[in-house]
Amino acid sequence: MYDYGKCHVCDTPIVEKTIQQDFWIKDKLVVIEKIPTGVCPQCGEKIVNAEVGQHLAKLLRDTNRIDRAPTISVPLIEYEGAVAV
């Protein structure tokens, strides 16, 4: 297990969790599952180590894999209402 150290935001020890993360690639939403990630239990800040970051970049460049991946449907809701100034 990777030692993520302490959170740079709130100085709480980081714990490793497996998460899913969404990315927007050329107007396409791509979700990657089972990413080993350091997560702060106090403030929620997330970090990945360099090896994981490089692998994520490789996955996101693989347009053939993205095109072949299963798709999911998500609700799309338009924001309606007054904006406080």
N, C-alpha and C. Protein backbone atom coordinates (compact mmCIF):
# COMPACT_ATOMS: atom_id res chain seq x y z
N MET A 1 0.85 -1.19 0.00
CA MET A 1 0.00 0.00 0.00
C MET A 1 0.89 1.24 0.00
N TYR A 2 0.52 2.23 -0.79
CA TYR A 2 1.28 3.46 -0.93
C TYR A 2 1.07 4.37 0.29
N ASP A 3 2.13 5.04 0.74
CA ASP A 3 2.03 5.99 1.85
C ASP A 3 1.78 7.38 1.28
N TYR A 4 0.57 7.86 1.41
CA TYR A 4 0.18 9.17 0.87
C TYR A 4 0.55 10.32 1.79
N GLY A 5 0.93 10.03 3.01
CA GLY A 5 1.29 11.08 3.95
C GLY A 5 0.05 11.79 4.49
N LYS A 6 0.22 13.09 4.75
CA LYS A 6 -0.88 13.88 5.30
C LYS A 6 -1.48 14.79 4.24
N CYS A 7 -2.73 15.12 4.43
CA CYS A 7 -3.46 15.99 3.52
C CYS A 7 -2.82 17.38 3.51
N HIS A 8 -2.59 17.93 2.31
CA HIS A 8 -2.00 19.26 2.22
C HIS A 8 -3.01 20.36 2.53
N VAL A 9 -4.30 19.99 2.62
CA VAL A 9 -5.34 20.97 2.93
C VAL A 9 -5.56 21.07 4.44
N CYS A 10 -5.72 19.92 5.12
CA CYS A 10 -6.09 19.97 6.55
C CYS A 10 -5.14 19.18 7.46
N ASP A 11 -4.07 18.62 6.90
CA ASP A 11 -3.03 17.94 7.67
C ASP A 11 -3.50 16.65 8.35
N THR A 12 -4.56 16.03 7.83
CA THR A 12 -5.07 14.76 8.35
C THR A 12 -4.42 13.62 7.57
N PRO A 13 -4.07 12.52 8.22
CA PRO A 13 -3.48 11.40 7.48
C PRO A 13 -4.42 10.89 6.38
N ILE A 14 -3.84 10.69 5.19
CA ILE A 14 -4.58 10.21 4.02
C ILE A 14 -4.71 8.69 4.11
N VAL A 15 -5.88 8.18 3.71
CA VAL A 15 -6.10 6.73 3.66
C VAL A 15 -6.38 6.32 2.22
N GLU A 16 -5.98 5.09 1.88
CA GLU A 16 -6.21 4.62 0.52
C GLU A 16 -7.60 4.03 0.38
N LYS A 17 -8.29 4.42 -0.68
CA LYS A 17 -9.59 3.89 -1.02
C LYS A 17 -9.61 3.62 -2.52
N THR A 18 -10.57 2.83 -2.94
CA THR A 18 -10.80 2.62 -4.36
C THR A 18 -12.01 3.44 -4.76
N ILE A 19 -11.82 4.31 -5.76
CA ILE A 19 -12.90 5.22 -6.16
C ILE A 19 -13.20 5.08 -7.64
N GLN A 20 -14.27 5.72 -8.06
CA GLN A 20 -14.50 5.93 -9.48
C GLN A 20 -14.44 7.43 -9.71
N GLN A 21 -13.91 7.81 -10.87
CA GLN A 21 -13.72 9.23 -11.17
C GLN A 21 -14.18 9.50 -12.59
N ASP A 22 -14.83 10.65 -12.77
CA ASP A 22 -15.27 11.02 -14.10
C ASP A 22 -14.32 12.02 -14.73
N PHE A 23 -14.18 11.94 -16.04
CA PHE A 23 -13.33 12.82 -16.83
C PHE A 23 -14.11 13.25 -18.07
N TRP A 24 -13.93 14.48 -18.51
CA TRP A 24 -14.52 14.93 -19.77
C TRP A 24 -13.41 14.92 -20.81
N ILE A 25 -13.59 14.08 -21.85
CA ILE A 25 -12.63 13.96 -22.92
C ILE A 25 -13.34 14.31 -24.23
N LYS A 26 -12.99 15.43 -24.83
CA LYS A 26 -13.59 15.87 -26.09
C LYS A 26 -15.11 15.78 -26.05
N ASP A 27 -15.71 16.43 -25.07
CA ASP A 27 -17.16 16.48 -24.90
C ASP A 27 -17.80 15.12 -24.63
N LYS A 28 -17.01 14.16 -24.17
CA LYS A 28 -17.54 12.84 -23.83
C LYS A 28 -17.20 12.57 -22.36
N LEU A 29 -18.21 12.18 -21.59
CA LEU A 29 -17.99 11.84 -20.19
C LEU A 29 -17.47 10.41 -20.11
N VAL A 30 -16.31 10.23 -19.48
CA VAL A 30 -15.70 8.92 -19.30
C VAL A 30 -15.55 8.69 -17.80
N VAL A 31 -16.01 7.54 -17.32
CA VAL A 31 -15.89 7.19 -15.91
C VAL A 31 -14.92 6.01 -15.79
N ILE A 32 -13.92 6.15 -14.94
CA ILE A 32 -12.98 5.06 -14.68
C ILE A 32 -13.24 4.56 -13.27
N GLU A 33 -13.39 3.25 -13.14
CA GLU A 33 -13.68 2.62 -11.85
C GLU A 33 -12.43 2.01 -11.23
N LYS A 34 -12.53 1.74 -9.95
CA LYS A 34 -11.52 0.98 -9.19
C LYS A 34 -10.14 1.64 -9.21
N ILE A 35 -10.10 2.96 -9.05
CA ILE A 35 -8.84 3.69 -9.02
C ILE A 35 -8.31 3.73 -7.59
N PRO A 36 -7.10 3.19 -7.35
CA PRO A 36 -6.51 3.32 -6.01
C PRO A 36 -6.14 4.79 -5.77
N THR A 37 -6.72 5.37 -4.73
CA THR A 37 -6.61 6.81 -4.51
C THR A 37 -6.41 7.10 -3.02
N GLY A 38 -5.60 8.09 -2.72
CA GLY A 38 -5.49 8.58 -1.36
C GLY A 38 -6.61 9.57 -1.12
N VAL A 39 -7.39 9.33 -0.07
CA VAL A 39 -8.54 10.19 0.23
C VAL A 39 -8.42 10.67 1.68
N CYS A 40 -8.61 11.97 1.88
CA CYS A 40 -8.60 12.51 3.23
C CYS A 40 -9.96 12.26 3.88
N PRO A 41 -9.98 11.56 5.02
CA PRO A 41 -11.26 11.31 5.69
C PRO A 41 -11.87 12.56 6.32
N GLN A 42 -11.07 13.61 6.46
CA GLN A 42 -11.56 14.85 7.08
C GLN A 42 -12.22 15.78 6.05
N CYS A 43 -11.49 16.10 4.98
CA CYS A 43 -12.00 17.10 4.03
C CYS A 43 -12.35 16.54 2.65
N GLY A 44 -11.98 15.27 2.40
CA GLY A 44 -12.34 14.65 1.12
C GLY A 44 -11.34 14.87 0.00
N GLU A 45 -10.27 15.59 0.23
CA GLU A 45 -9.25 15.81 -0.80
C GLU A 45 -8.76 14.46 -1.32
N LYS A 46 -8.53 14.37 -2.65
CA LYS A 46 -8.11 13.12 -3.27
C LYS A 46 -6.80 13.32 -4.01
N ILE A 47 -5.92 12.32 -3.92
CA ILE A 47 -4.67 12.34 -4.67
C ILE A 47 -4.35 10.93 -5.16
N VAL A 48 -3.63 10.85 -6.26
CA VAL A 48 -3.14 9.56 -6.74
C VAL A 48 -1.62 9.64 -6.82
N ASN A 49 -0.96 8.49 -6.71
CA ASN A 49 0.49 8.51 -6.86
C ASN A 49 0.85 8.60 -8.34
N ALA A 50 2.12 8.84 -8.65
CA ALA A 50 2.56 9.08 -10.02
C ALA A 50 2.25 7.90 -10.94
N GLU A 51 2.46 6.69 -10.47
CA GLU A 51 2.22 5.50 -11.30
C GLU A 51 0.74 5.41 -11.70
N VAL A 52 -0.15 5.64 -10.75
CA VAL A 52 -1.59 5.60 -11.03
C VAL A 52 -1.95 6.74 -11.99
N GLY A 53 -1.40 7.92 -11.76
CA GLY A 53 -1.67 9.06 -12.64
C GLY A 53 -1.24 8.79 -14.07
N GLN A 54 -0.07 8.16 -14.26
CA GLN A 54 0.40 7.82 -15.60
C GLN A 54 -0.51 6.79 -16.26
N HIS A 55 -0.97 5.81 -15.47
CA HIS A 55 -1.86 4.80 -16.02
C HIS A 55 -3.21 5.41 -16.42
N LEU A 56 -3.73 6.33 -15.60
CA LEU A 56 -4.97 7.02 -15.94
C LEU A 56 -4.82 7.79 -17.25
N ALA A 57 -3.70 8.49 -17.41
CA ALA A 57 -3.46 9.24 -18.64
C ALA A 57 -3.42 8.31 -19.85
N LYS A 58 -2.81 7.15 -19.69
CA LYS A 58 -2.75 6.16 -20.77
C LYS A 58 -4.16 5.66 -21.13
N LEU A 59 -4.96 5.36 -20.11
CA LEU A 59 -6.34 4.91 -20.36
C LEU A 59 -7.14 5.97 -21.09
N LEU A 60 -6.97 7.22 -20.71
CA LEU A 60 -7.76 8.30 -21.29
C LEU A 60 -7.32 8.65 -22.72
N ARG A 61 -6.09 8.26 -23.10
CA ARG A 61 -5.62 8.46 -24.47
C ARG A 61 -6.06 7.32 -25.40
N ASP A 62 -6.51 6.20 -24.83
CA ASP A 62 -6.87 5.02 -25.60
C ASP A 62 -8.30 5.16 -26.15
N THR A 63 -8.44 5.87 -27.27
CA THR A 63 -9.77 6.14 -27.82
C THR A 63 -10.48 4.87 -28.27
N ASN A 64 -9.72 3.87 -28.72
CA ASN A 64 -10.36 2.60 -29.11
C ASN A 64 -11.01 1.92 -27.92
N ARG A 65 -10.30 1.92 -26.80
CA ARG A 65 -10.86 1.31 -25.58
C ARG A 65 -12.09 2.08 -25.10
N ILE A 66 -12.02 3.40 -25.17
CA ILE A 66 -13.14 4.23 -24.74
C ILE A 66 -14.35 3.96 -25.64
N ASP A 67 -14.12 3.87 -26.94
CA ASP A 67 -15.23 3.62 -27.87
C ASP A 67 -15.86 2.25 -27.68
N ARG A 68 -15.08 1.26 -27.24
CA ARG A 68 -15.59 -0.11 -27.04
C ARG A 68 -16.20 -0.32 -25.66
N ALA A 69 -15.98 0.60 -24.75
CA ALA A 69 -16.42 0.42 -23.36
C ALA A 69 -17.94 0.47 -23.27
N PRO A 70 -18.51 -0.26 -22.29
CA PRO A 70 -19.95 -0.15 -22.07
C PRO A 70 -20.32 1.28 -21.68
N THR A 71 -21.53 1.66 -21.98
CA THR A 71 -21.97 3.01 -21.63
C THR A 71 -23.06 2.95 -20.56
N ILE A 72 -23.20 4.06 -19.87
CA ILE A 72 -24.24 4.19 -18.86
C ILE A 72 -25.08 5.42 -19.20
N SER A 73 -26.25 5.48 -18.69
CA SER A 73 -27.13 6.63 -18.88
C SER A 73 -27.18 7.41 -17.57
N VAL A 74 -27.08 8.74 -17.68
CA VAL A 74 -27.15 9.57 -16.49
C VAL A 74 -28.20 10.65 -16.68
N PRO A 75 -28.88 11.05 -15.61
CA PRO A 75 -29.86 12.14 -15.73
C PRO A 75 -29.15 13.46 -16.05
N LEU A 76 -29.78 14.26 -16.88
CA LEU A 76 -29.28 15.59 -17.20
C LEU A 76 -30.38 16.58 -16.84
N ILE A 77 -30.10 17.41 -15.85
CA ILE A 77 -31.09 18.35 -15.33
C ILE A 77 -30.57 19.75 -15.56
N GLU A 78 -31.42 20.62 -16.12
CA GLU A 78 -31.05 21.99 -16.35
C GLU A 78 -31.29 22.82 -15.10
N TYR A 79 -30.33 23.67 -14.75
CA TYR A 79 -30.50 24.56 -13.60
C TYR A 79 -31.51 25.64 -13.95
N GLU A 80 -32.53 25.73 -13.14
CA GLU A 80 -33.55 26.76 -13.33
C GLU A 80 -33.75 27.47 -12.01
N GLY A 81 -33.78 28.76 -12.03
CA GLY A 81 -34.04 29.49 -10.80
C GLY A 81 -33.22 30.76 -10.75
N ALA A 82 -33.53 31.56 -9.77
CA ALA A 82 -32.85 32.83 -9.60
C ALA A 82 -31.46 32.60 -9.00
N VAL A 83 -30.54 33.41 -9.42
CA VAL A 83 -29.18 33.35 -8.92
C VAL A 83 -28.99 34.52 -7.96
N ALA A 84 -28.60 34.23 -6.72
CA ALA A 84 -28.36 35.30 -5.75
C ALA A 84 -27.08 36.03 -6.11
N VAL A 85 -27.13 37.34 -6.05
CA VAL A 85 -25.96 38.15 -6.39
C VAL A 85 -25.37 38.75 -5.15
